[in-house]
Amino acid sequence: MSNTRMPRPALGSLHHVSVQVTDLTAALHFYKDILGLAEVDTPPDILANDIRWLDLGQGRMLHLVQTEDVIPAPRAHFAITVDDVAGWRAYLEANQVEILAPTVAVYGAERFFMRDPSGNLLELVNWPI
């Protein structure tokens, strides 16, 4: 047996996040119409499986996958960076989206949480430079 260690290959950046949703129509309304994400051309075989791809910018995507049941983890979430946290909070509250306060302060970041129509936790954040 050799003592030579194989070098670790490099990782790239995040490509996509996939979340399960119970109502694809409601999820598309939330992510497209309220948050303003654009739908990406999704291959026909993926569309046929009740999956939609949305653009998160910089080559990153959000995949919405329709399933029968979603059991959201209490703290599992993904975050999207924004420049105007207060503006987003006011906009979402005006659109009847319930805002959840963060439970832990993180490095002076401005942020808040919400849940999508299937209960998935989502954070909007502005990290200090």
N, C-alpha and C. Protein backbone atom coordinates (compact mmCIF):
# COMPACT_ATOMS: atom_id res chain seq x y z
N MET A 1 0.84 -1.18 0.00
CA MET A 1 0.00 0.00 0.00
C MET A 1 0.89 1.24 0.00
N SER A 2 0.53 2.20 -0.85
CA SER A 2 1.33 3.41 -1.00
C SER A 2 0.97 4.44 0.06
N ASN A 3 1.99 5.20 0.46
CA ASN A 3 1.77 6.31 1.39
C ASN A 3 1.48 7.61 0.65
N THR A 4 1.50 7.56 -0.68
CA THR A 4 1.25 8.75 -1.47
C THR A 4 -0.21 9.16 -1.35
N ARG A 5 -0.44 10.40 -1.00
CA ARG A 5 -1.82 10.90 -0.90
C ARG A 5 -2.22 11.49 -2.23
N MET A 6 -3.40 11.17 -2.65
CA MET A 6 -3.94 11.73 -3.88
C MET A 6 -4.32 13.18 -3.63
N PRO A 7 -3.93 14.12 -4.48
CA PRO A 7 -4.31 15.52 -4.26
C PRO A 7 -5.81 15.71 -4.44
N ARG A 8 -6.34 16.63 -3.67
CA ARG A 8 -7.77 16.92 -3.73
C ARG A 8 -8.04 17.80 -4.94
N PRO A 9 -8.97 17.41 -5.82
CA PRO A 9 -9.34 18.27 -6.95
C PRO A 9 -10.03 19.54 -6.46
N ALA A 10 -9.97 20.59 -7.25
CA ALA A 10 -10.59 21.87 -6.89
C ALA A 10 -12.10 21.79 -7.03
N LEU A 11 -12.80 22.50 -6.16
CA LEU A 11 -14.24 22.67 -6.28
C LEU A 11 -14.53 23.96 -7.02
N GLY A 12 -15.65 24.00 -7.74
CA GLY A 12 -16.09 25.23 -8.38
C GLY A 12 -17.00 25.98 -7.42
N SER A 13 -17.91 26.77 -7.97
CA SER A 13 -18.84 27.52 -7.13
C SER A 13 -20.20 26.81 -7.11
N LEU A 14 -21.08 27.29 -6.29
CA LEU A 14 -22.43 26.76 -6.21
C LEU A 14 -23.12 26.91 -7.56
N HIS A 15 -23.75 25.85 -8.05
CA HIS A 15 -24.45 25.89 -9.33
C HIS A 15 -25.95 26.06 -9.13
N HIS A 16 -26.56 25.24 -8.26
CA HIS A 16 -27.99 25.39 -8.01
C HIS A 16 -28.37 24.84 -6.64
N VAL A 17 -29.51 25.31 -6.20
CA VAL A 17 -30.15 24.82 -4.99
C VAL A 17 -31.48 24.24 -5.43
N SER A 18 -31.84 23.10 -4.89
CA SER A 18 -33.10 22.47 -5.23
C SER A 18 -33.98 22.42 -3.99
N VAL A 19 -35.22 22.88 -4.12
CA VAL A 19 -36.17 22.80 -3.01
C VAL A 19 -37.41 22.06 -3.45
N GLN A 20 -37.96 21.30 -2.54
CA GLN A 20 -39.19 20.58 -2.81
C GLN A 20 -40.38 21.48 -2.49
N VAL A 21 -41.39 21.43 -3.36
CA VAL A 21 -42.60 22.22 -3.17
C VAL A 21 -43.82 21.33 -3.37
N THR A 22 -44.87 21.62 -2.64
CA THR A 22 -46.09 20.81 -2.76
C THR A 22 -47.03 21.36 -3.82
N ASP A 23 -46.91 22.63 -4.14
CA ASP A 23 -47.78 23.26 -5.14
C ASP A 23 -46.89 24.09 -6.06
N LEU A 24 -46.57 23.52 -7.22
CA LEU A 24 -45.64 24.17 -8.14
C LEU A 24 -46.18 25.52 -8.62
N THR A 25 -47.48 25.62 -8.84
CA THR A 25 -48.07 26.88 -9.29
C THR A 25 -47.89 27.97 -8.24
N ALA A 26 -48.16 27.65 -6.98
CA ALA A 26 -47.99 28.62 -5.89
C ALA A 26 -46.52 28.98 -5.72
N ALA A 27 -45.65 28.00 -5.84
CA ALA A 27 -44.21 28.26 -5.71
C ALA A 27 -43.72 29.16 -6.83
N LEU A 28 -44.16 28.89 -8.07
CA LEU A 28 -43.77 29.74 -9.20
C LEU A 28 -44.27 31.17 -9.00
N HIS A 29 -45.48 31.32 -8.51
CA HIS A 29 -46.01 32.66 -8.23
C HIS A 29 -45.12 33.37 -7.21
N PHE A 30 -44.78 32.69 -6.14
CA PHE A 30 -43.96 33.29 -5.09
C PHE A 30 -42.58 33.68 -5.63
N TYR A 31 -41.88 32.73 -6.24
CA TYR A 31 -40.50 32.99 -6.67
C TYR A 31 -40.41 33.88 -7.90
N LYS A 32 -41.35 33.77 -8.82
CA LYS A 32 -41.31 34.58 -10.04
C LYS A 32 -41.99 35.93 -9.85
N ASP A 33 -43.25 35.90 -9.41
CA ASP A 33 -44.04 37.13 -9.36
C ASP A 33 -43.71 38.00 -8.16
N ILE A 34 -43.44 37.40 -7.02
CA ILE A 34 -43.16 38.19 -5.81
C ILE A 34 -41.67 38.49 -5.70
N LEU A 35 -40.82 37.45 -5.81
CA LEU A 35 -39.38 37.69 -5.67
C LEU A 35 -38.73 38.17 -6.97
N GLY A 36 -39.37 37.92 -8.11
CA GLY A 36 -38.86 38.44 -9.38
C GLY A 36 -37.82 37.58 -10.07
N LEU A 37 -37.71 36.30 -9.70
CA LEU A 37 -36.77 35.42 -10.39
C LEU A 37 -37.32 35.04 -11.76
N ALA A 38 -36.45 35.01 -12.75
CA ALA A 38 -36.86 34.63 -14.11
C ALA A 38 -36.74 33.13 -14.28
N GLU A 39 -37.70 32.56 -15.00
CA GLU A 39 -37.64 31.12 -15.28
C GLU A 39 -36.62 30.88 -16.40
N VAL A 40 -35.79 29.87 -16.21
CA VAL A 40 -34.77 29.47 -17.17
C VAL A 40 -35.37 28.41 -18.08
N ASP A 41 -34.93 28.37 -19.34
CA ASP A 41 -35.39 27.32 -20.24
C ASP A 41 -35.06 25.96 -19.61
N THR A 42 -36.09 25.27 -19.23
CA THR A 42 -35.95 23.97 -18.59
C THR A 42 -36.14 22.89 -19.64
N PRO A 43 -35.25 21.90 -19.72
CA PRO A 43 -35.41 20.85 -20.72
C PRO A 43 -36.77 20.15 -20.60
N PRO A 44 -37.37 19.76 -21.74
CA PRO A 44 -38.71 19.15 -21.73
C PRO A 44 -38.85 17.94 -20.81
N ASP A 45 -37.84 17.09 -20.74
CA ASP A 45 -37.96 15.92 -19.87
C ASP A 45 -37.96 16.31 -18.39
N ILE A 46 -37.32 17.43 -18.06
CA ILE A 46 -37.35 17.95 -16.68
C ILE A 46 -38.72 18.57 -16.40
N LEU A 47 -39.24 19.35 -17.36
CA LEU A 47 -40.58 19.94 -17.21
C LEU A 47 -41.63 18.87 -16.97
N ALA A 48 -41.51 17.76 -17.69
CA ALA A 48 -42.47 16.67 -17.59
C ALA A 48 -42.48 16.05 -16.19
N ASN A 49 -41.41 16.25 -15.44
CA ASN A 49 -41.32 15.72 -14.08
C ASN A 49 -41.68 16.77 -13.03
N ASP A 50 -42.41 17.81 -13.44
CA ASP A 50 -42.84 18.87 -12.52
C ASP A 50 -41.68 19.53 -11.80
N ILE A 51 -40.68 19.91 -12.58
CA ILE A 51 -39.52 20.64 -12.07
C ILE A 51 -39.36 21.90 -12.91
N ARG A 52 -39.06 23.02 -12.25
CA ARG A 52 -38.80 24.27 -12.95
C ARG A 52 -37.49 24.84 -12.46
N TRP A 53 -36.77 25.48 -13.38
CA TRP A 53 -35.49 26.11 -13.06
C TRP A 53 -35.66 27.62 -13.09
N LEU A 54 -35.16 28.30 -12.05
CA LEU A 54 -35.22 29.75 -11.96
C LEU A 54 -33.82 30.33 -11.82
N ASP A 55 -33.62 31.51 -12.37
CA ASP A 55 -32.31 32.16 -12.41
C ASP A 55 -32.06 32.94 -11.11
N LEU A 56 -30.97 32.60 -10.43
CA LEU A 56 -30.55 33.34 -9.23
C LEU A 56 -29.44 34.33 -9.54
N GLY A 57 -29.03 34.42 -10.81
CA GLY A 57 -27.96 35.33 -11.21
C GLY A 57 -26.60 34.67 -11.13
N GLN A 58 -25.66 35.20 -11.88
CA GLN A 58 -24.27 34.75 -11.89
C GLN A 58 -24.16 33.24 -12.16
N GLY A 59 -25.04 32.73 -13.03
CA GLY A 59 -24.98 31.33 -13.40
C GLY A 59 -25.53 30.36 -12.37
N ARG A 60 -26.17 30.88 -11.34
CA ARG A 60 -26.73 30.02 -10.30
C ARG A 60 -28.24 29.90 -10.49
N MET A 61 -28.78 28.76 -10.09
CA MET A 61 -30.20 28.52 -10.29
C MET A 61 -30.87 27.98 -9.03
N LEU A 62 -32.18 28.15 -9.01
CA LEU A 62 -33.04 27.54 -8.01
C LEU A 62 -33.90 26.54 -8.76
N HIS A 63 -33.90 25.30 -8.34
CA HIS A 63 -34.75 24.27 -8.94
C HIS A 63 -35.92 24.01 -8.00
N LEU A 64 -37.12 24.15 -8.54
CA LEU A 64 -38.34 23.84 -7.78
C LEU A 64 -38.80 22.46 -8.22
N VAL A 65 -38.93 21.56 -7.27
CA VAL A 65 -39.29 20.17 -7.55
C VAL A 65 -40.59 19.86 -6.84
N GLN A 66 -41.64 19.59 -7.61
CA GLN A 66 -42.94 19.28 -7.00
C GLN A 66 -42.91 17.87 -6.42
N THR A 67 -43.34 17.77 -5.17
CA THR A 67 -43.47 16.49 -4.48
C THR A 67 -44.79 16.48 -3.74
N GLU A 68 -45.18 15.31 -3.31
CA GLU A 68 -46.46 15.20 -2.59
C GLU A 68 -46.40 15.86 -1.22
N ASP A 69 -45.35 15.59 -0.51
CA ASP A 69 -45.20 16.11 0.85
C ASP A 69 -43.87 16.81 1.01
N VAL A 70 -43.88 17.90 1.72
CA VAL A 70 -42.65 18.61 2.08
C VAL A 70 -42.66 18.73 3.60
N ILE A 71 -41.57 18.29 4.20
CA ILE A 71 -41.42 18.46 5.64
C ILE A 71 -40.22 19.38 5.83
N PRO A 72 -40.47 20.70 5.88
CA PRO A 72 -39.35 21.64 5.99
C PRO A 72 -38.58 21.43 7.28
N ALA A 73 -37.27 21.42 7.16
CA ALA A 73 -36.43 21.37 8.35
C ALA A 73 -36.51 22.73 9.04
N PRO A 74 -36.54 22.75 10.35
CA PRO A 74 -36.73 24.03 11.05
C PRO A 74 -35.69 25.09 10.71
N ARG A 75 -34.44 24.70 10.48
CA ARG A 75 -33.38 25.69 10.27
C ARG A 75 -32.72 25.60 8.90
N ALA A 76 -32.95 24.54 8.15
CA ALA A 76 -32.34 24.42 6.83
C ALA A 76 -32.92 25.51 5.93
N HIS A 77 -32.04 26.19 5.19
CA HIS A 77 -32.50 27.30 4.36
C HIS A 77 -31.45 27.61 3.30
N PHE A 78 -31.80 28.49 2.40
CA PHE A 78 -30.83 29.09 1.50
C PHE A 78 -31.01 30.59 1.58
N ALA A 79 -29.98 31.33 1.17
CA ALA A 79 -30.00 32.79 1.29
C ALA A 79 -29.70 33.43 -0.06
N ILE A 80 -30.34 34.56 -0.29
CA ILE A 80 -30.10 35.37 -1.49
C ILE A 80 -29.64 36.73 -1.01
N THR A 81 -28.56 37.24 -1.62
CA THR A 81 -28.07 38.56 -1.24
C THR A 81 -28.92 39.65 -1.89
N VAL A 82 -29.12 40.72 -1.15
CA VAL A 82 -29.86 41.89 -1.64
C VAL A 82 -29.12 43.14 -1.16
N ASP A 83 -29.33 44.25 -1.86
CA ASP A 83 -28.72 45.52 -1.45
C ASP A 83 -29.59 46.26 -0.44
N ASP A 84 -30.91 46.15 -0.56
CA ASP A 84 -31.83 46.95 0.24
C ASP A 84 -32.72 46.04 1.09
N VAL A 85 -32.22 45.65 2.24
CA VAL A 85 -32.95 44.73 3.12
C VAL A 85 -34.26 45.37 3.59
N ALA A 86 -34.21 46.62 4.02
CA ALA A 86 -35.42 47.29 4.51
C ALA A 86 -36.46 47.42 3.40
N GLY A 87 -36.02 47.75 2.19
CA GLY A 87 -36.94 47.86 1.05
C GLY A 87 -37.60 46.53 0.74
N TRP A 88 -36.81 45.45 0.75
CA TRP A 88 -37.38 44.13 0.50
C TRP A 88 -38.37 43.74 1.60
N ARG A 89 -38.02 44.04 2.83
CA ARG A 89 -38.92 43.70 3.94
C ARG A 89 -40.26 44.41 3.77
N ALA A 90 -40.24 45.70 3.47
CA ALA A 90 -41.47 46.48 3.29
C ALA A 90 -42.27 45.94 2.10
N TYR A 91 -41.58 45.65 1.00
CA TYR A 91 -42.24 45.13 -0.20
C TYR A 91 -42.93 43.79 0.09
N LEU A 92 -42.22 42.90 0.76
CA LEU A 92 -42.78 41.58 1.04
C LEU A 92 -43.95 41.66 2.03
N GLU A 93 -43.82 42.50 3.04
CA GLU A 93 -44.92 42.68 3.98
C GLU A 93 -46.15 43.24 3.26
N ALA A 94 -45.95 44.15 2.31
CA ALA A 94 -47.06 44.70 1.52
C ALA A 94 -47.71 43.62 0.65
N ASN A 95 -46.96 42.55 0.35
CA ASN A 95 -47.49 41.44 -0.43
C ASN A 95 -47.88 40.26 0.46
N GLN A 96 -48.15 40.55 1.74
CA GLN A 96 -48.64 39.59 2.72
C GLN A 96 -47.71 38.39 2.93
N VAL A 97 -46.40 38.61 2.79
CA VAL A 97 -45.43 37.56 3.10
C VAL A 97 -45.01 37.76 4.55
N GLU A 98 -45.16 36.73 5.37
CA GLU A 98 -44.80 36.82 6.78
C GLU A 98 -43.28 36.83 6.93
N ILE A 99 -42.78 37.83 7.63
CA ILE A 99 -41.35 37.99 7.86
C ILE A 99 -41.00 37.36 9.21
N LEU A 100 -39.94 36.57 9.22
CA LEU A 100 -39.46 35.94 10.44
C LEU A 100 -38.13 36.58 10.83
N ALA A 101 -37.99 36.89 12.10
CA ALA A 101 -36.76 37.53 12.57
C ALA A 101 -35.65 36.48 12.70
N PRO A 102 -34.41 36.87 12.41
CA PRO A 102 -33.31 35.93 12.66
C PRO A 102 -33.15 35.70 14.16
N THR A 103 -32.71 34.52 14.52
CA THR A 103 -32.54 34.22 15.94
C THR A 103 -31.11 34.47 16.41
N VAL A 104 -30.18 34.63 15.47
CA VAL A 104 -28.78 34.84 15.81
C VAL A 104 -28.23 35.98 14.95
N ALA A 105 -27.56 36.94 15.58
CA ALA A 105 -26.89 38.00 14.83
C ALA A 105 -25.63 37.42 14.19
N VAL A 106 -25.36 37.79 12.93
CA VAL A 106 -24.21 37.25 12.22
C VAL A 106 -23.38 38.39 11.65
N TYR A 107 -22.24 38.69 12.27
CA TYR A 107 -21.25 39.63 11.74
C TYR A 107 -21.84 40.96 11.26
N GLY A 108 -22.87 41.44 11.90
CA GLY A 108 -23.46 42.71 11.53
C GLY A 108 -24.27 42.69 10.24
N ALA A 109 -24.58 41.51 9.74
CA ALA A 109 -25.37 41.40 8.50
C ALA A 109 -26.80 41.84 8.76
N GLU A 110 -27.37 42.56 7.79
CA GLU A 110 -28.80 42.87 7.82
C GLU A 110 -29.48 41.69 7.13
N ARG A 111 -30.52 41.14 7.75
CA ARG A 111 -31.16 39.98 7.14
C ARG A 111 -32.50 39.70 7.78
N PHE A 112 -33.29 38.92 7.08
CA PHE A 112 -34.53 38.39 7.62
C PHE A 112 -34.87 37.11 6.88
N PHE A 113 -35.79 36.37 7.46
CA PHE A 113 -36.21 35.10 6.91
C PHE A 113 -37.69 35.14 6.56
N MET A 114 -38.09 34.24 5.70
CA MET A 114 -39.50 34.03 5.35
C MET A 114 -39.65 32.57 4.94
N ARG A 115 -40.87 32.14 4.76
CA ARG A 115 -41.13 30.79 4.25
C ARG A 115 -41.88 30.91 2.93
N ASP A 116 -41.55 30.02 2.00
CA ASP A 116 -42.28 29.99 0.72
C ASP A 116 -43.61 29.28 0.95
N PRO A 117 -44.48 29.18 -0.06
CA PRO A 117 -45.79 28.56 0.14
C PRO A 117 -45.74 27.11 0.61
N SER A 118 -44.61 26.42 0.41
CA SER A 118 -44.48 25.04 0.88
C SER A 118 -43.80 24.95 2.24
N GLY A 119 -43.43 26.08 2.81
CA GLY A 119 -42.81 26.09 4.13
C GLY A 119 -41.30 26.11 4.13
N ASN A 120 -40.66 26.15 2.95
CA ASN A 120 -39.20 26.20 2.89
C ASN A 120 -38.71 27.56 3.40
N LEU A 121 -37.66 27.52 4.21
CA LEU A 121 -37.10 28.72 4.81
C LEU A 121 -36.13 29.38 3.84
N LEU A 122 -36.27 30.69 3.68
CA LEU A 122 -35.47 31.49 2.76
C LEU A 122 -35.01 32.74 3.49
N GLU A 123 -33.75 33.12 3.29
CA GLU A 123 -33.18 34.31 3.92
C GLU A 123 -32.81 35.33 2.86
N LEU A 124 -33.10 36.58 3.11
CA LEU A 124 -32.58 37.69 2.30
C LEU A 124 -31.56 38.40 3.19
N VAL A 125 -30.36 38.64 2.65
CA VAL A 125 -29.26 39.12 3.48
C VAL A 125 -28.41 40.14 2.73
N ASN A 126 -27.88 41.09 3.50
CA ASN A 126 -26.87 42.02 3.01
C ASN A 126 -25.69 41.92 3.96
N TRP A 127 -24.60 41.34 3.45
CA TRP A 127 -23.39 41.18 4.27
C TRP A 127 -22.59 42.47 4.24
N PRO A 128 -22.06 42.89 5.39
CA PRO A 128 -21.21 44.08 5.40
C PRO A 128 -19.90 43.79 4.66
N ILE A 129 -19.38 44.82 4.03
CA ILE A 129 -18.14 44.63 3.26
C ILE A 129 -16.94 44.78 4.16
